[in-house]
Amino acid sequence: MNLMNADAGVEYVIKDIVTEDEELNSFLFSLGCYSGEPITVIAHKKGGCVVSIKDARYNIDKDLAQAISI
């Protein structure tokens, strides 16, 4: 399951980042988004979602959300 299918307000644990793009992988890692880290979807928006990682909120687009496996 990826973040686009996640329920808002529920804390999940990131299982994997499914991408072949090393730059995207590095960017997500810099946000604290990596395997084993808790993540919560705050809200689903048109074209993406708002997530909470390590007490910070980020607005991520649909492609990023689909790359994060929970």
Protein backbone atom coordinates (compact mmCIF):
# COMPACT_ATOMS: atom_id res chain seq x y z
CA MET A 1 0.00 0.00 0.00
CA ASN A 2 1.26 3.52 -0.69
CA LEU A 3 0.45 6.91 0.87
CA MET A 4 -2.27 7.73 -1.67
CA ASN A 5 -4.27 4.79 -0.26
CA ALA A 6 -3.59 5.60 3.41
CA ASP A 7 -6.28 6.84 5.80
CA ALA A 8 -5.83 10.38 7.08
CA GLY A 9 -4.90 10.67 10.76
CA VAL A 10 -3.49 7.14 11.06
CA GLU A 11 0.20 6.63 11.82
CA TYR A 12 1.94 4.15 9.51
CA VAL A 13 5.51 2.86 9.29
CA ILE A 14 7.39 3.31 6.03
CA LYS A 15 8.29 -0.09 4.58
CA ASP A 16 10.15 1.00 1.47
CA ILE A 17 10.77 3.79 -1.01
CA VAL A 18 9.96 2.39 -4.45
CA THR A 19 11.89 4.53 -6.93
CA GLU A 20 14.78 4.18 -9.33
CA ASP A 21 15.54 7.91 -9.07
CA GLU A 22 18.51 8.39 -6.73
CA GLU A 23 17.88 12.14 -6.48
CA LEU A 24 14.32 11.51 -5.30
CA ASN A 25 15.56 8.91 -2.85
CA SER A 26 18.13 11.37 -1.44
CA PHE A 27 15.50 14.10 -1.16
CA LEU A 28 13.11 11.86 0.79
CA PHE A 29 15.96 10.73 3.05
CA SER A 30 16.80 14.39 3.80
CA LEU A 31 13.18 14.87 4.95
CA GLY A 32 13.55 11.91 7.31
CA CYS A 33 11.48 9.67 5.08
CA TYR A 34 13.11 6.20 5.07
CA SER A 35 12.31 2.60 6.00
CA GLY A 36 11.19 2.09 9.60
CA GLU A 37 10.22 5.74 10.14
CA PRO A 38 6.65 6.58 11.27
CA ILE A 39 4.60 8.73 8.89
CA THR A 40 1.08 10.14 9.16
CA VAL A 41 -1.11 11.40 6.34
CA ILE A 42 -2.71 14.62 7.62
CA ALA A 43 -4.92 15.22 4.59
CA HIS A 44 -5.39 14.15 0.99
CA LYS A 45 -5.28 17.02 -1.48
CA LYS A 46 -5.97 17.21 -5.18
CA GLY A 47 -2.76 15.95 -6.75
CA GLY A 48 -1.07 14.77 -3.53
CA CYS A 49 -1.25 14.76 0.24
CA VAL A 50 0.01 16.46 3.39
CA VAL A 51 2.14 14.22 5.61
CA SER A 52 3.76 14.50 9.02
CA ILE A 53 7.29 13.14 9.44
CA LYS A 54 9.30 13.80 12.63
CA ASP A 55 7.11 16.70 13.85
CA ALA A 56 7.26 18.45 10.46
CA ARG A 57 4.56 18.70 7.81
CA TYR A 58 5.19 18.37 4.09
CA ASN A 59 2.95 18.69 1.07
CA ILE A 60 4.01 15.96 -1.35
CA ASP A 61 2.76 15.34 -4.85
CA LYS A 62 1.03 12.21 -6.14
CA ASP A 63 4.20 10.68 -7.64
CA LEU A 64 6.10 11.02 -4.37
CA ALA A 65 3.18 9.64 -2.38
CA GLN A 66 2.95 6.61 -4.65
CA ALA A 67 6.68 5.93 -4.23
CA ILE A 68 6.36 5.63 -0.44
CA SER A 69 5.30 2.13 0.54
CA ILE A 70 3.68 1.67 3.97
